[in-house]
PDB file of N, CA and C in Angstrom:
ATOM      1  N   MET A   1       0.557  -1.009  -0.276  1.00  0.00           N
ATOM      2  CA  MET A   1      -0.066   0.098  -0.041  1.00  0.00           C
ATOM      3  C   MET A   1       1.071   1.231  -0.228  1.00  0.00           C
ATOM      4  N   SER A   2       0.428   2.384  -0.289  1.00  0.00           N
ATOM      5  CA  SER A   2       1.364   3.913  -0.619  1.00  0.00           C
ATOM      6  C   SER A   2       0.948   4.809  -0.192  1.00  0.00           C
ATOM      7  N   ASN A   3       1.511   5.532   0.808  1.00  0.00           N
ATOM      8  CA  ASN A   3       1.195   6.478   1.379  1.00  0.00           C
ATOM      9  C   ASN A   3       0.682   7.387   0.582  1.00  0.00           C
ATOM     10  N   GLN A   4      -0.618   8.192   0.177  1.00  0.00           N
ATOM     11  CA  GLN A   4      -0.933   8.595  -0.977  1.00  0.00           C
ATOM     12  C   GLN A   4      -1.943  10.075   0.820  1.00  0.00           C
ATOM     13  N   THR A   5      -2.166  10.997   0.719  1.00  0.00           N
ATOM     14  CA  THR A   5      -2.514  12.485   1.292  1.00  0.00           C
ATOM     15  C   THR A   5      -3.077  12.533   0.156  1.00  0.00           C
ATOM     16  N   THR A   6      -4.414  12.712   0.658  1.00  0.00           N
ATOM     17  CA  THR A   6      -5.635  13.758  -0.833  1.00  0.00           C
ATOM     18  C   THR A   6      -5.938  14.804   0.339  1.00  0.00           C
ATOM     19  N   GLU A   7      -5.958  16.169  -0.562  1.00  0.00           N
ATOM     20  CA  GLU A   7      -6.428  17.302   0.055  1.00  0.00           C
ATOM     21  C   GLU A   7      -8.244  17.414  -0.136  1.00  0.00           C
ATOM     22  N   VAL A   8      -7.879  17.874   1.240  1.00  0.00           N
ATOM     23  CA  VAL A   8      -9.485  18.619   1.336  1.00  0.00           C
ATOM     24  C   VAL A   8     -10.021  19.125   1.223  1.00  0.00           C
ATOM     25  N   LYS A   9     -11.236  19.493  -0.177  1.00  0.00           N
ATOM     26  CA  LYS A   9     -11.510  21.297  -0.247  1.00  0.00           C
ATOM     27  C   LYS A   9     -13.235  21.966   0.327  1.00  0.00           C
ATOM     28  N   GLU A  10     -12.877  22.547   0.710  1.00  0.00           N
ATOM     29  CA  GLU A  10     -14.515  23.162   1.123  1.00  0.00           C
ATOM     30  C   GLU A  10     -15.221  23.098  -0.404  1.00  0.00           C
ATOM     31  N   VAL A  11     -16.685  23.131  -0.459  1.00  0.00           N
ATOM     32  CA  VAL A  11     -17.245  23.680  -1.147  1.00  0.00           C
ATOM     33  C   VAL A  11     -17.413  25.093  -1.727  1.00  0.00           C
ATOM     34  N   GLY A  12     -17.114  25.459  -2.456  1.00  0.00           N
ATOM     35  CA  GLY A  12     -17.149  26.751  -2.638  1.00  0.00           C
ATOM     36  C   GLY A  12     -16.317  27.344  -2.858  1.00  0.00           C
ATOM     37  N   GLU A  13     -14.614  26.544  -2.686  1.00  0.00           N
ATOM     38  CA  GLU A  13     -12.922  26.807  -2.124  1.00  0.00           C
ATOM     39  C   GLU A  13     -12.425  26.988  -3.384  1.00  0.00           C
ATOM     40  N   GLY A  14     -12.351  28.419  -3.774  1.00  0.00           N
ATOM     41  CA  GLY A  14     -11.960  29.111  -4.261  1.00  0.00           C
ATOM     42  C   GLY A  14     -12.562  29.831  -5.215  1.00  0.00           C
ATOM     43  N   VAL A  15     -13.901  29.994  -4.718  1.00  0.00           N
ATOM     44  CA  VAL A  15     -14.871  30.543  -6.199  1.00  0.00           C
ATOM     45  C   VAL A  15     -14.597  31.463  -6.312  1.00  0.00           C
ATOM     46  N   GLY A  16     -14.958  32.586  -7.142  1.00  0.00           N
ATOM     47  CA  GLY A  16     -15.556  34.077  -6.716  1.00  0.00           C
ATOM     48  C   GLY A  16     -16.965  34.564  -6.076  1.00  0.00           C
ATOM     49  N   PHE A  17     -17.187  36.031  -5.375  1.00  0.00           N
ATOM     50  CA  PHE A  17     -17.968  35.673  -5.242  1.00  0.00           C
ATOM     51  C   PHE A  17     -18.740  37.582  -5.416  1.00  0.00           C
ATOM     52  N   GLU A  18     -19.476  37.510  -5.743  1.00  0.00           N
ATOM     53  CA  GLU A  18     -19.779  39.173  -6.511  1.00  0.00           C
ATOM     54  C   GLU A  18     -21.552  38.952  -5.706  1.00  0.00           C
ATOM     55  N   ARG A  19     -20.782  40.158  -4.162  1.00  0.00           N
ATOM     56  CA  ARG A  19     -22.209  40.477  -3.885  1.00  0.00           C
ATOM     57  C   ARG A  19     -23.604  41.526  -4.811  1.00  0.00           C
ATOM     58  N   ILE A  20     -24.417  40.408  -4.349  1.00  0.00           N
ATOM     59  CA  ILE A  20     -25.826  40.601  -5.192  1.00  0.00           C
ATOM     60  C   ILE A  20     -26.818  41.326  -4.643  1.00  0.00           C
ATOM     61  N   ARG A  21     -27.190  42.572  -4.795  1.00  0.00           N
ATOM     62  CA  ARG A  21     -27.980  43.011  -4.176  1.00  0.00           C
ATOM     63  C   ARG A  21     -29.217  43.678  -4.110  1.00  0.00           C
ATOM     64  N   ARG A  22     -31.611  43.527  -3.987  1.00  0.00           N
ATOM     65  CA  ARG A  22     -32.391  43.830  -4.331  1.00  0.00           C
ATOM     66  C   ARG A  22     -32.390  45.396  -4.099  1.00  0.00           C
ATOM     67  N   ILE A  23     -32.303  46.253  -5.340  1.00  0.00           N
ATOM     68  CA  ILE A  23     -32.490  47.305  -5.336  1.00  0.00           C
ATOM     69  C   ILE A  23     -33.463  47.843  -6.194  1.00  0.00           C
ATOM     70  N   THR A  24     -34.276  48.057  -5.666  1.00  0.00           N
ATOM     71  CA  THR A  24     -35.884  49.197  -6.013  1.00  0.00           C
ATOM     72  C   THR A  24     -36.320  48.581  -6.953  1.00  0.00           C
ATOM     73  N   GLY A  25     -36.223  47.248  -6.666  1.00  0.00           N
ATOM     74  CA  GLY A  25     -36.845  45.747  -7.679  1.00  0.00           C
ATOM     75  C   GLY A  25     -36.265  45.000  -8.570  1.00  0.00           C
ATOM     76  N   TYR A  26     -34.643  45.437  -8.935  1.00  0.00           N
ATOM     77  CA  TYR A  26     -33.615  44.640  -9.872  1.00  0.00           C
ATOM     78  C   TYR A  26     -32.374  44.556  -8.596  1.00  0.00           C
ATOM     79  N   LEU A  27     -32.179  43.357  -9.104  1.00  0.00           N
ATOM     80  CA  LEU A  27     -31.549  42.238  -8.822  1.00  0.00           C
ATOM     81  C   LEU A  27     -29.558  43.114  -9.372  1.00  0.00           C
ATOM     82  N   VAL A  28     -28.966  43.466  -8.607  1.00  0.00           N
ATOM     83  CA  VAL A  28     -28.081  44.657  -9.062  1.00  0.00           C
ATOM     84  C   VAL A  28     -26.778  43.980  -8.377  1.00  0.00           C
ATOM     85  N   GLY A  29     -25.510  43.706  -8.757  1.00  0.00           N
ATOM     86  CA  GLY A  29     -24.024  43.506  -8.315  1.00  0.00           C
ATOM     87  C   GLY A  29     -23.747  45.180  -8.088  1.00  0.00           C
ATOM     88  N   THR A  30     -23.339  46.129  -8.918  1.00  0.00           N
ATOM     89  CA  THR A  30     -22.907  47.603  -8.640  1.00  0.00           C
ATOM     90  C   THR A  30     -24.579  48.487  -8.993  1.00  0.00           C
ATOM     91  N   VAL A  31     -24.705  49.777  -8.952  1.00  0.00           N
ATOM     92  CA  VAL A  31     -25.227  51.160  -9.168  1.00  0.00           C
ATOM     93  C   VAL A  31     -24.349  51.737  -9.881  1.00  0.00           C
ATOM     94  N   ASP A  32     -23.287  51.432 -10.881  1.00  0.00           N
ATOM     95  CA  ASP A  32     -23.377  52.278 -12.267  1.00  0.00           C
ATOM     96  C   ASP A  32     -23.604  52.416 -12.652  1.00  0.00           C
ATOM     97  N   ARG A  33     -25.430  51.582 -13.253  1.00  0.00           N
ATOM     98  CA  ARG A  33     -25.539  52.537 -14.555  1.00  0.00           C
ATOM     99  C   ARG A  33     -26.897  52.945 -13.934  1.00  0.00           C
ATOM    100  N   PHE A  34     -26.984  53.028 -12.288  1.00  0.00           N
ATOM    101  CA  PHE A  34     -28.257  54.003 -12.092  1.00  0.00           C
ATOM    102  C   PHE A  34     -28.513  54.940 -11.915  1.00  0.00           C
ATOM    103  N   ASN A  35     -28.867  55.946 -12.362  1.00  0.00           N
ATOM    104  CA  ASN A  35     -29.334  57.383 -12.832  1.00  0.00           C
ATOM    105  C   ASN A  35     -29.285  58.000 -11.107  1.00  0.00           C
ATOM    106  N   ASP A  36     -29.080  59.282 -10.546  1.00  0.00           N
ATOM    107  CA  ASP A  36     -28.902  60.268  -9.675  1.00  0.00           C
ATOM    108  C   ASP A  36     -30.240  59.792  -8.925  1.00  0.00           C
ATOM    109  N   ALA A  37     -31.801  59.885  -8.812  1.00  0.00           N
ATOM    110  CA  ALA A  37     -32.981  58.999  -8.503  1.00  0.00           C
ATOM    111  C   ALA A  37     -32.513  58.646  -7.970  1.00  0.00           C
ATOM    112  N   LYS A  38     -32.119  57.470  -8.421  1.00  0.00           N
ATOM    113  CA  LYS A  38     -31.762  56.094  -8.410  1.00  0.00           C
ATOM    114  C   LYS A  38     -30.353  55.354  -7.296  1.00  0.00           C
ATOM    115  N   ARG A  39     -29.743  56.213  -7.218  1.00  0.00           N
ATOM    116  CA  ARG A  39     -28.909  56.457  -6.623  1.00  0.00           C
ATOM    117  C   ARG A  39     -29.359  56.786  -5.160  1.00  0.00           C
ATOM    118  N   ALA A  40     -29.946  58.104  -5.255  1.00  0.00           N
ATOM    119  CA  ALA A  40     -30.509  58.658  -3.981  1.00  0.00           C
ATOM    120  C   ALA A  40     -31.367  57.818  -3.243  1.00  0.00           C
ATOM    121  N   GLU A  41     -31.065  57.102  -3.969  1.00  0.00           N
ATOM    122  CA  GLU A  41     -32.913  55.731  -3.038  1.00  0.00           C
ATOM    123  C   GLU A  41     -32.159  55.462  -2.209  1.00  0.00           C
ATOM    124  N   GLU A  42     -31.204  54.366  -3.090  1.00  0.00           N
ATOM    125  CA  GLU A  42     -30.054  53.269  -2.391  1.00  0.00           C
ATOM    126  C   GLU A  42     -29.628  53.700  -1.580  1.00  0.00           C
ATOM    127  N   SER A  43     -29.053  55.147  -1.172  1.00  0.00           N
ATOM    128  CA  SER A  43     -28.114  55.813  -0.333  1.00  0.00           C
ATOM    129  C   SER A  43     -28.513  56.401   0.831  1.00  0.00           C
ATOM    130  N   ASP A  44     -29.926  56.168   0.543  1.00  0.00           N
ATOM    131  CA  ASP A  44     -31.057  56.739   1.978  1.00  0.00           C
ATOM    132  C   ASP A  44     -31.350  56.058   2.400  1.00  0.00           C
ATOM    133  N   ARG A  45     -32.236  54.275   2.356  1.00  0.00           N
ATOM    134  CA  ARG A  45     -31.835  53.731   3.180  1.00  0.00           C
ATOM    135  C   ARG A  45     -30.913  53.308   3.963  1.00  0.00           C
ATOM    136  N   VAL A  46     -32.353  52.331   4.840  1.00  0.00           N
ATOM    137  CA  VAL A  46     -31.877  52.948   6.351  1.00  0.00           C
ATOM    138  C   VAL A  46     -30.900  51.536   6.145  1.00  0.00           C
ATOM    139  N   LYS A  47     -29.566  51.131   6.593  1.00  0.00           N
ATOM    140  CA  LYS A  47     -28.769  49.464   6.663  1.00  0.00           C
ATOM    141  C   LYS A  47     -28.946  48.783   7.734  1.00  0.00           C
ATOM    142  N   HIS A  48     -28.871  48.008   7.571  1.00  0.00           N
ATOM    143  CA  HIS A  48     -29.125  47.426   9.070  1.00  0.00           C
ATOM    144  C   HIS A  48     -28.180  46.266   8.619  1.00  0.00           C
ATOM    145  N   THR A  49     -27.666  45.968  10.414  1.00  0.00           N
ATOM    146  CA  THR A  49     -26.261  45.237  10.541  1.00  0.00           C
ATOM    147  C   THR A  49     -26.899  43.966  11.301  1.00  0.00           C
ATOM    148  N   LEU A  50     -26.187  43.103  11.553  1.00  0.00           N
ATOM    149  CA  LEU A  50     -26.561  41.956  12.612  1.00  0.00           C
ATOM    150  C   LEU A  50     -25.348  42.135  13.820  1.00  0.00           C
ATOM    151  N   ASN A  51     -25.611  42.682  14.443  1.00  0.00           N
ATOM    152  CA  ASN A  51     -24.403  43.174  15.652  1.00  0.00           C
ATOM    153  C   ASN A  51     -24.104  42.039  16.558  1.00  0.00           C
ATOM    154  N   SER A  52     -23.347  41.329  17.525  1.00  0.00           N
ATOM    155  CA  SER A  52     -23.731  40.642  18.887  1.00  0.00           C
ATOM    156  C   SER A  52     -24.558  41.325  19.853  1.00  0.00           C
ATOM    157  N   SER A  53     -24.166  42.452  19.413  1.00  0.00           N
ATOM    158  CA  SER A  53     -24.728  43.692  21.415  1.00  0.00           C
ATOM    159  C   SER A  53     -26.103  43.988  20.924  1.00  0.00           C
ATOM    160  N   ASP A  54     -26.996  43.849  19.844  1.00  0.00           N
ATOM    161  CA  ASP A  54     -28.381  43.880  19.493  1.00  0.00           C
ATOM    162  C   ASP A  54     -28.783  42.443  19.943  1.00  0.00           C
ATOM    163  N   LYS A  55     -28.768  41.893  20.096  1.00  0.00           N
ATOM    164  CA  LYS A  55     -29.470  41.232  21.414  1.00  0.00           C
ATOM    165  C   LYS A  55     -30.560  41.373  22.429  1.00  0.00           C
TER     166      LYS A  55
END
């Protein structure tokens, strides 16, 4: 028998990820193509965070 080691990889390891958000009814990665009104709407939204101190 030979001493072979096998490398264990996690599912999705090495796969790039791009953030996708739903803004004003559209699934978008960036707001580059939004007009000024849509950009203002996005920036005026309340940002929700998950903090351990919020419990």
